[in-house]
Amino acid sequence: MCLGIPGQIVEIVDVTQKLATVDVGGVKRQVNIACIVDESHPVAACVGDWVLVHVGFALNRIDAAEAAETLALLQQIAEAQGIPS
């Protein structure tokens, strides 16, 4: 099963390599953001963006409301399965 998890970009680690630190539910991971940058939204403008993360890549930007809704659903699934948060 493929699953993208919402996270928020908190820091740019390497502009050239397009690497950023993303906070995913309190866990910070280094993620490649090459898929979400372009001339109109450069690397430096990504801090604060909510993104959908899958296998170390930010696949696309999402809005904060969509991220909150998805995180709440994931939390409900975890609780239903008895997984502590």
PDB file of N, CA and C in Angstrom:
ATOM      1  N   MET A   1       0.851  -1.171   0.000  1.00  0.00           N
ATOM      2  CA  MET A   1       0.000   0.000   0.000  1.00  0.00           C
ATOM      3  C   MET A   1       0.896   1.232   0.000  1.00  0.00           C
ATOM      4  N   CYS A   2       0.571   2.176  -0.825  1.00  0.00           N
ATOM      5  CA  CYS A   2       1.296   3.444  -0.883  1.00  0.00           C
ATOM      6  C   CYS A   2       0.524   4.468  -0.065  1.00  0.00           C
ATOM      7  N   LEU A   3       1.244   5.204   0.738  1.00  0.00           N
ATOM      8  CA  LEU A   3       0.589   6.179   1.590  1.00  0.00           C
ATOM      9  C   LEU A   3       1.450   7.426   1.682  1.00  0.00           C
ATOM     10  N   GLY A   4       0.869   8.554   1.359  1.00  0.00           N
ATOM     11  CA  GLY A   4       1.550   9.826   1.528  1.00  0.00           C
ATOM     12  C   GLY A   4       1.093  10.430   2.840  1.00  0.00           C
ATOM     13  N   ILE A   5       2.014  10.993   3.581  1.00  0.00           N
ATOM     14  CA  ILE A   5       1.728  11.568   4.888  1.00  0.00           C
ATOM     15  C   ILE A   5       1.948  13.074   4.818  1.00  0.00           C
ATOM     16  N   PRO A   6       1.000  13.863   5.345  1.00  0.00           N
ATOM     17  CA  PRO A   6       1.208  15.318   5.371  1.00  0.00           C
ATOM     18  C   PRO A   6       2.320  15.709   6.337  1.00  0.00           C
ATOM     19  N   GLY A   7       3.096  16.675   5.928  1.00  0.00           N
ATOM     20  CA  GLY A   7       4.135  17.239   6.780  1.00  0.00           C
ATOM     21  C   GLY A   7       4.360  18.687   6.395  1.00  0.00           C
ATOM     22  N   GLN A   8       4.999  19.424   7.310  1.00  0.00           N
ATOM     23  CA  GLN A   8       5.250  20.837   7.062  1.00  0.00           C
ATOM     24  C   GLN A   8       6.755  21.076   6.958  1.00  0.00           C
ATOM     25  N   ILE A   9       7.165  21.759   5.922  1.00  0.00           N
ATOM     26  CA  ILE A   9       8.574  22.092   5.727  1.00  0.00           C
ATOM     27  C   ILE A   9       8.969  23.135   6.769  1.00  0.00           C
ATOM     28  N   VAL A  10       9.988  22.791   7.573  1.00  0.00           N
ATOM     29  CA  VAL A  10      10.411  23.695   8.643  1.00  0.00           C
ATOM     30  C   VAL A  10      11.776  24.321   8.371  1.00  0.00           C
ATOM     31  N   GLU A  11      12.537  23.730   7.435  1.00  0.00           N
ATOM     32  CA  GLU A  11      13.883  24.248   7.183  1.00  0.00           C
ATOM     33  C   GLU A  11      14.370  23.760   5.820  1.00  0.00           C
ATOM     34  N   ILE A  12      15.099  24.610   5.126  1.00  0.00           N
ATOM     35  CA  ILE A  12      15.772  24.183   3.894  1.00  0.00           C
ATOM     36  C   ILE A  12      17.182  23.760   4.301  1.00  0.00           C
ATOM     37  N   VAL A  13      17.545  22.529   3.983  1.00  0.00           N
ATOM     38  CA  VAL A  13      18.844  21.979   4.357  1.00  0.00           C
ATOM     39  C   VAL A  13      19.889  22.262   3.291  1.00  0.00           C
ATOM     40  N   ASP A  14      19.517  22.081   2.018  1.00  0.00           N
ATOM     41  CA  ASP A  14      20.464  22.253   0.916  1.00  0.00           C
ATOM     42  C   ASP A  14      19.688  22.745  -0.310  1.00  0.00           C
ATOM     43  N   VAL A  15      19.913  23.998  -0.676  1.00  0.00           N
ATOM     44  CA  VAL A  15      19.178  24.595  -1.804  1.00  0.00           C
ATOM     45  C   VAL A  15      19.532  23.888  -3.110  1.00  0.00           C
ATOM     46  N   THR A  16      20.817  23.613  -3.332  1.00  0.00           N
ATOM     47  CA  THR A  16      21.263  22.996  -4.578  1.00  0.00           C
ATOM     48  C   THR A  16      20.680  21.595  -4.760  1.00  0.00           C
ATOM     49  N   GLN A  17      20.699  20.796  -3.694  1.00  0.00           N
ATOM     50  CA  GLN A  17      20.180  19.425  -3.760  1.00  0.00           C
ATOM     51  C   GLN A  17      18.666  19.359  -3.520  1.00  0.00           C
ATOM     52  N   LYS A  18      18.070  20.511  -3.233  1.00  0.00           N
ATOM     53  CA  LYS A  18      16.623  20.604  -2.965  1.00  0.00           C
ATOM     54  C   LYS A  18      16.201  19.683  -1.810  1.00  0.00           C
ATOM     55  N   LEU A  19      16.914  19.815  -0.697  1.00  0.00           N
ATOM     56  CA  LEU A  19      16.617  19.026   0.498  1.00  0.00           C
ATOM     57  C   LEU A  19      16.070  19.930   1.596  1.00  0.00           C
ATOM     58  N   ALA A  20      15.047  19.432   2.267  1.00  0.00           N
ATOM     59  CA  ALA A  20      14.426  20.204   3.339  1.00  0.00           C
ATOM     60  C   ALA A  20      14.138  19.294   4.525  1.00  0.00           C
ATOM     61  N   THR A  21      13.975  19.905   5.690  1.00  0.00           N
ATOM     62  CA  THR A  21      13.503  19.177   6.854  1.00  0.00           C
ATOM     63  C   THR A  21      12.001  19.366   6.942  1.00  0.00           C
ATOM     64  N   VAL A  22      11.295  18.248   7.067  1.00  0.00           N
ATOM     65  CA  VAL A  22       9.838  18.265   7.153  1.00  0.00           C
ATOM     66  C   VAL A  22       9.421  17.674   8.493  1.00  0.00           C
ATOM     67  N   ASP A  23       8.510  18.367   9.163  1.00  0.00           N
ATOM     68  CA  ASP A  23       7.943  17.891  10.418  1.00  0.00           C
ATOM     69  C   ASP A  23       6.681  17.097  10.095  1.00  0.00           C
ATOM     70  N   VAL A  24       6.764  15.787  10.386  1.00  0.00           N
ATOM     71  CA  VAL A  24       5.623  14.902  10.149  1.00  0.00           C
ATOM     72  C   VAL A  24       5.136  14.407  11.505  1.00  0.00           C
ATOM     73  N   GLY A  25       4.118  15.057  12.016  1.00  0.00           N
ATOM     74  CA  GLY A  25       3.560  14.653  13.298  1.00  0.00           C
ATOM     75  C   GLY A  25       4.551  14.716  14.445  1.00  0.00           C
ATOM     76  N   GLY A  26       5.449  15.668  14.428  1.00  0.00           N
ATOM     77  CA  GLY A  26       6.436  15.822  15.481  1.00  0.00           C
ATOM     78  C   GLY A  26       7.758  15.131  15.205  1.00  0.00           C
ATOM     79  N   VAL A  27       7.815  14.329  14.159  1.00  0.00           N
ATOM     80  CA  VAL A  27       9.052  13.662  13.752  1.00  0.00           C
ATOM     81  C   VAL A  27       9.622  14.426  12.567  1.00  0.00           C
ATOM     82  N   LYS A  28      10.894  14.834  12.686  1.00  0.00           N
ATOM     83  CA  LYS A  28      11.506  15.615  11.616  1.00  0.00           C
ATOM     84  C   LYS A  28      12.367  14.707  10.742  1.00  0.00           C
ATOM     85  N   ARG A  29      12.137  14.840   9.436  1.00  0.00           N
ATOM     86  CA  ARG A  29      12.856  14.020   8.458  1.00  0.00           C
ATOM     87  C   ARG A  29      13.374  14.901   7.331  1.00  0.00           C
ATOM     88  N   GLN A  30      14.480  14.452   6.753  1.00  0.00           N
ATOM     89  CA  GLN A  30      14.999  15.140   5.577  1.00  0.00           C
ATOM     90  C   GLN A  30      14.279  14.590   4.351  1.00  0.00           C
ATOM     91  N   VAL A  31      13.786  15.507   3.507  1.00  0.00           N
ATOM     92  CA  VAL A  31      12.964  15.142   2.360  1.00  0.00           C
ATOM     93  C   VAL A  31      13.444  15.903   1.139  1.00  0.00           C
ATOM     94  N   ASN A  32      13.392  15.245  -0.008  1.00  0.00           N
ATOM     95  CA  ASN A  32      13.712  15.900  -1.274  1.00  0.00           C
ATOM     96  C   ASN A  32      12.470  16.656  -1.751  1.00  0.00           C
ATOM     97  N   ILE A  33      12.634  17.935  -2.080  1.00  0.00           N
ATOM     98  CA  ILE A  33      11.488  18.761  -2.480  1.00  0.00           C
ATOM     99  C   ILE A  33      11.529  19.144  -3.961  1.00  0.00           C
ATOM    100  N   ALA A  34      12.311  18.422  -4.746  1.00  0.00           N
ATOM    101  CA  ALA A  34      12.457  18.744  -6.170  1.00  0.00           C
ATOM    102  C   ALA A  34      11.124  18.737  -6.919  1.00  0.00           C
ATOM    103  N   CYS A  35      10.188  17.899  -6.491  1.00  0.00           N
ATOM    104  CA  CYS A  35       8.907  17.789  -7.201  1.00  0.00           C
ATOM    105  C   CYS A  35       7.978  18.972  -6.969  1.00  0.00           C
ATOM    106  N   ILE A  36       8.262  19.794  -5.956  1.00  0.00           N
ATOM    107  CA  ILE A  36       7.317  20.882  -5.641  1.00  0.00           C
ATOM    108  C   ILE A  36       7.875  22.266  -5.924  1.00  0.00           C
ATOM    109  N   VAL A  37       9.083  22.337  -6.477  1.00  0.00           N
ATOM    110  CA  VAL A  37       9.654  23.656  -6.754  1.00  0.00           C
ATOM    111  C   VAL A  37       9.674  23.923  -8.250  1.00  0.00           C
ATOM    112  N   ASP A  38       9.565  25.189  -8.578  1.00  0.00           N
ATOM    113  CA  ASP A  38       9.705  25.643  -9.960  1.00  0.00           C
ATOM    114  C   ASP A  38      10.058  27.124  -9.921  1.00  0.00           C
ATOM    115  N   GLU A  39      10.066  27.775 -11.064  1.00  0.00           N
ATOM    116  CA  GLU A  39      10.462  29.185 -11.108  1.00  0.00           C
ATOM    117  C   GLU A  39       9.523  30.081 -10.298  1.00  0.00           C
ATOM    118  N   SER A  40       8.247  29.733 -10.254  1.00  0.00           N
ATOM    119  CA  SER A  40       7.300  30.566  -9.515  1.00  0.00           C
ATOM    120  C   SER A  40       7.271  30.245  -8.022  1.00  0.00           C
ATOM    121  N   HIS A  41       7.829  29.113  -7.625  1.00  0.00           N
ATOM    122  CA  HIS A  41       7.880  28.726  -6.203  1.00  0.00           C
ATOM    123  C   HIS A  41       9.236  28.082  -5.936  1.00  0.00           C
ATOM    124  N   PRO A  42      10.281  28.909  -5.784  1.00  0.00           N
ATOM    125  CA  PRO A  42      11.641  28.386  -5.606  1.00  0.00           C
ATOM    126  C   PRO A  42      11.829  27.720  -4.242  1.00  0.00           C
ATOM    127  N   VAL A  43      12.956  27.045  -4.095  1.00  0.00           N
ATOM    128  CA  VAL A  43      13.271  26.312  -2.865  1.00  0.00           C
ATOM    129  C   VAL A  43      13.119  27.190  -1.630  1.00  0.00           C
ATOM    130  N   ALA A  44      13.667  28.391  -1.686  1.00  0.00           N
ATOM    131  CA  ALA A  44      13.652  29.283  -0.521  1.00  0.00           C
ATOM    132  C   ALA A  44      12.239  29.653  -0.079  1.00  0.00           C
ATOM    133  N   ALA A  45      11.266  29.563  -0.968  1.00  0.00           N
ATOM    134  CA  ALA A  45       9.884  29.929  -0.634  1.00  0.00           C
ATOM    135  C   ALA A  45       9.101  28.778  -0.010  1.00  0.00           C
ATOM    136  N   CYS A  46       9.715  27.627   0.163  1.00  0.00           N
ATOM    137  CA  CYS A  46       8.990  26.433   0.613  1.00  0.00           C
ATOM    138  C   CYS A  46       8.828  26.305   2.124  1.00  0.00           C
ATOM    139  N   VAL A  47       9.620  27.044   2.902  1.00  0.00           N
ATOM    140  CA  VAL A  47       9.490  26.937   4.362  1.00  0.00           C
ATOM    141  C   VAL A  47       8.073  27.344   4.760  1.00  0.00           C
ATOM    142  N   GLY A  48       7.441  26.465   5.542  1.00  0.00           N
ATOM    143  CA  GLY A  48       6.057  26.694   5.969  1.00  0.00           C
ATOM    144  C   GLY A  48       5.040  25.968   5.112  1.00  0.00           C
ATOM    145  N   ASP A  49       5.438  25.508   3.933  1.00  0.00           N
ATOM    146  CA  ASP A  49       4.514  24.778   3.058  1.00  0.00           C
ATOM    147  C   ASP A  49       4.127  23.446   3.687  1.00  0.00           C
ATOM    148  N   TRP A  50       2.882  23.070   3.506  1.00  0.00           N
ATOM    149  CA  TRP A  50       2.432  21.714   3.830  1.00  0.00           C
ATOM    150  C   TRP A  50       2.584  20.883   2.575  1.00  0.00           C
ATOM    151  N   VAL A  51       3.142  19.686   2.730  1.00  0.00           N
ATOM    152  CA  VAL A  51       3.401  18.818   1.577  1.00  0.00           C
ATOM    153  C   VAL A  51       2.946  17.402   1.892  1.00  0.00           C
ATOM    154  N   LEU A  52       2.749  16.635   0.840  1.00  0.00           N
ATOM    155  CA  LEU A  52       2.443  15.220   0.961  1.00  0.00           C
ATOM    156  C   LEU A  52       3.741  14.465   0.733  1.00  0.00           C
ATOM    157  N   VAL A  53       4.204  13.711   1.764  1.00  0.00           N
ATOM    158  CA  VAL A  53       5.500  13.034   1.731  1.00  0.00           C
ATOM    159  C   VAL A  53       5.312  11.541   1.497  1.00  0.00           C
ATOM    160  N   HIS A  54       6.102  11.015   0.567  1.00  0.00           N
ATOM    161  CA  HIS A  54       6.098   9.578   0.297  1.00  0.00           C
ATOM    162  C   HIS A  54       7.521   9.154  -0.028  1.00  0.00           C
ATOM    163  N   VAL A  55       8.028   8.171   0.685  1.00  0.00           N
ATOM    164  CA  VAL A  55       9.368   7.596   0.525  1.00  0.00           C
ATOM    165  C   VAL A  55      10.469   8.646   0.335  1.00  0.00           C
ATOM    166  N   GLY A  56      10.435   9.658   1.158  1.00  0.00           N
ATOM    167  CA  GLY A  56      11.516  10.635   1.156  1.00  0.00           C
ATOM    168  C   GLY A  56      11.373  11.768   0.165  1.00  0.00           C
ATOM    169  N   PHE A  57      10.231  11.838  -0.512  1.00  0.00           N
ATOM    170  CA  PHE A  57       9.996  12.911  -1.480  1.00  0.00           C
ATOM    171  C   PHE A  57       8.704  13.647  -1.135  1.00  0.00           C
ATOM    172  N   ALA A  58       8.741  14.963  -1.234  1.00  0.00           N
ATOM    173  CA  ALA A  58       7.531  15.767  -1.140  1.00  0.00           C
ATOM    174  C   ALA A  58       6.905  15.741  -2.531  1.00  0.00           C
ATOM    175  N   LEU A  59       5.750  15.082  -2.650  1.00  0.00           N
ATOM    176  CA  LEU A  59       5.145  14.876  -3.968  1.00  0.00           C
ATOM    177  C   LEU A  59       4.375  16.079  -4.466  1.00  0.00           C
ATOM    178  N   ASN A  60       3.680  16.772  -3.544  1.00  0.00           N
ATOM    179  CA  ASN A  60       2.971  17.989  -3.930  1.00  0.00           C
ATOM    180  C   ASN A  60       2.638  18.812  -2.701  1.00  0.00           C
ATOM    181  N   ARG A  61       2.344  20.079  -2.923  1.00  0.00           N
ATOM    182  CA  ARG A  61       1.929  20.955  -1.833  1.00  0.00           C
ATOM    183  C   ARG A  61       0.435  20.748  -1.586  1.00  0.00           C
ATOM    184  N   ILE A  62       0.042  20.826  -0.322  1.00  0.00           N
ATOM    185  CA  ILE A  62      -1.371  20.755   0.037  1.00  0.00           C
ATOM    186  C   ILE A  62      -1.658  21.913   0.983  1.00  0.00           C
ATOM    187  N   ASP A  63      -2.945  22.267   1.100  1.00  0.00           N
ATOM    188  CA  ASP A  63      -3.237  23.374   2.015  1.00  0.00           C
ATOM    189  C   ASP A  63      -3.323  22.866   3.449  1.00  0.00           C
ATOM    190  N   ALA A  64      -3.214  23.772   4.384  1.00  0.00           N
ATOM    191  CA  ALA A  64      -3.159  23.427   5.802  1.00  0.00           C
ATOM    192  C   ALA A  64      -4.421  22.695   6.252  1.00  0.00           C
ATOM    193  N   ALA A  65      -5.578  23.076   5.721  1.00  0.00           N
ATOM    194  CA  ALA A  65      -6.830  22.418   6.123  1.00  0.00           C
ATOM    195  C   ALA A  65      -6.846  20.960   5.658  1.00  0.00           C
ATOM    196  N   GLU A  66      -6.393  20.725   4.443  1.00  0.00           N
ATOM    197  CA  GLU A  66      -6.333  19.349   3.934  1.00  0.00           C
ATOM    198  C   GLU A  66      -5.349  18.519   4.753  1.00  0.00           C
ATOM    199  N   ALA A  67      -4.221  19.115   5.120  1.00  0.00           N
ATOM    200  CA  ALA A  67      -3.231  18.412   5.937  1.00  0.00           C
ATOM    201  C   ALA A  67      -3.821  18.063   7.307  1.00  0.00           C
ATOM    202  N   ALA A  68      -4.502  19.011   7.933  1.00  0.00           N
ATOM    203  CA  ALA A  68      -5.092  18.766   9.257  1.00  0.00           C
ATOM    204  C   ALA A  68      -6.140  17.670   9.188  1.00  0.00           C
ATOM    205  N   GLU A  69      -6.967  17.698   8.142  1.00  0.00           N
ATOM    206  CA  GLU A  69      -8.005  16.673   7.993  1.00  0.00           C
ATOM    207  C   GLU A  69      -7.384  15.286   7.809  1.00  0.00           C
ATOM    208  N   THR A  70      -6.353  15.194   6.990  1.00  0.00           N
ATOM    209  CA  THR A  70      -5.694  13.906   6.753  1.00  0.00           C
ATOM    210  C   THR A  70      -5.006  13.401   8.018  1.00  0.00           C
ATOM    211  N   LEU A  71      -4.324  14.284   8.749  1.00  0.00           N
ATOM    212  CA  LEU A  71      -3.668  13.879   9.988  1.00  0.00           C
ATOM    213  C   LEU A  71      -4.695  13.398  11.016  1.00  0.00           C
ATOM    214  N   ALA A  72      -5.850  14.059  11.076  1.00  0.00           N
ATOM    215  CA  ALA A  72      -6.902  13.633  12.015  1.00  0.00           C
ATOM    216  C   ALA A  72      -7.419  12.239  11.636  1.00  0.00           C
ATOM    217  N   LEU A  73      -7.604  11.996  10.351  1.00  0.00           N
ATOM    218  CA  LEU A  73      -8.054  10.673   9.899  1.00  0.00           C
ATOM    219  C   LEU A  73      -7.026   9.596  10.225  1.00  0.00           C
ATOM    220  N   LEU A  74      -5.750   9.901  10.006  1.00  0.00           N
ATOM    221  CA  LEU A  74      -4.697   8.933  10.330  1.00  0.00           C
ATOM    222  C   LEU A  74      -4.669   8.648  11.828  1.00  0.00           C
ATOM    223  N   GLN A  75      -4.907   9.687  12.642  1.00  0.00           N
ATOM    224  CA  GLN A  75      -4.946   9.498  14.091  1.00  0.00           C
ATOM    225  C   GLN A  75      -6.117   8.602  14.485  1.00  0.00           C
ATOM    226  N   GLN A  76      -7.262   8.789  13.847  1.00  0.00           N
ATOM    227  CA  GLN A  76      -8.432   7.949  14.142  1.00  0.00           C
ATOM    228  C   GLN A  76      -8.153   6.494  13.774  1.00  0.00           C
ATOM    229  N   ILE A  77      -7.493   6.269  12.653  1.00  0.00           N
ATOM    230  CA  ILE A  77      -7.142   4.904  12.234  1.00  0.00           C
ATOM    231  C   ILE A  77      -6.198   4.280  13.258  1.00  0.00           C
ATOM    232  N   ALA A  78      -5.211   5.040  13.698  1.00  0.00           N
ATOM    233  CA  ALA A  78      -4.253   4.531  14.682  1.00  0.00           C
ATOM    234  C   ALA A  78      -4.959   4.176  15.990  1.00  0.00           C
ATOM    235  N   GLU A  79      -5.865   5.043  16.445  1.00  0.00           N
ATOM    236  CA  GLU A  79      -6.602   4.781  17.679  1.00  0.00           C
ATOM    237  C   GLU A  79      -7.481   3.545  17.551  1.00  0.00           C
ATOM    238  N   ALA A  80      -8.124   3.375  16.391  1.00  0.00           N
ATOM    239  CA  ALA A  80      -8.978   2.209  16.163  1.00  0.00           C
ATOM    240  C   ALA A  80      -8.177   0.916  16.188  1.00  0.00           C
ATOM    241  N   GLN A  81      -6.913   1.003  15.829  1.00  0.00           N
ATOM    242  CA  GLN A  81      -6.049  -0.177  15.820  1.00  0.00           C
ATOM    243  C   GLN A  81      -5.272  -0.330  17.122  1.00  0.00           C
ATOM    244  N   GLY A  82      -5.524   0.590  18.077  1.00  0.00           N
ATOM    245  CA  GLY A  82      -4.870   0.502  19.373  1.00  0.00           C
ATOM    246  C   GLY A  82      -3.427   0.934  19.370  1.00  0.00           C
ATOM    247  N   ILE A  83      -3.035   1.703  18.365  1.00  0.00           N
ATOM    248  CA  ILE A  83      -1.657   2.197  18.274  1.00  0.00           C
ATOM    249  C   ILE A  83      -1.571   3.488  19.080  1.00  0.00           C
ATOM    250  N   PRO A  84      -0.676   3.546  20.073  1.00  0.00           N
ATOM    251  CA  PRO A  84      -0.561   4.782  20.867  1.00  0.00           C
ATOM    252  C   PRO A  84      -0.002   5.930  20.029  1.00  0.00           C
ATOM    253  N   SER A  85      -0.443   7.138  20.341  1.00  0.00           N
ATOM    254  CA  SER A  85       0.045   8.308  19.592  1.00  0.00           C
ATOM    255  C   SER A  85       1.268   8.911  20.208  1.00  0.00           C
TER     256      SER A  85
END
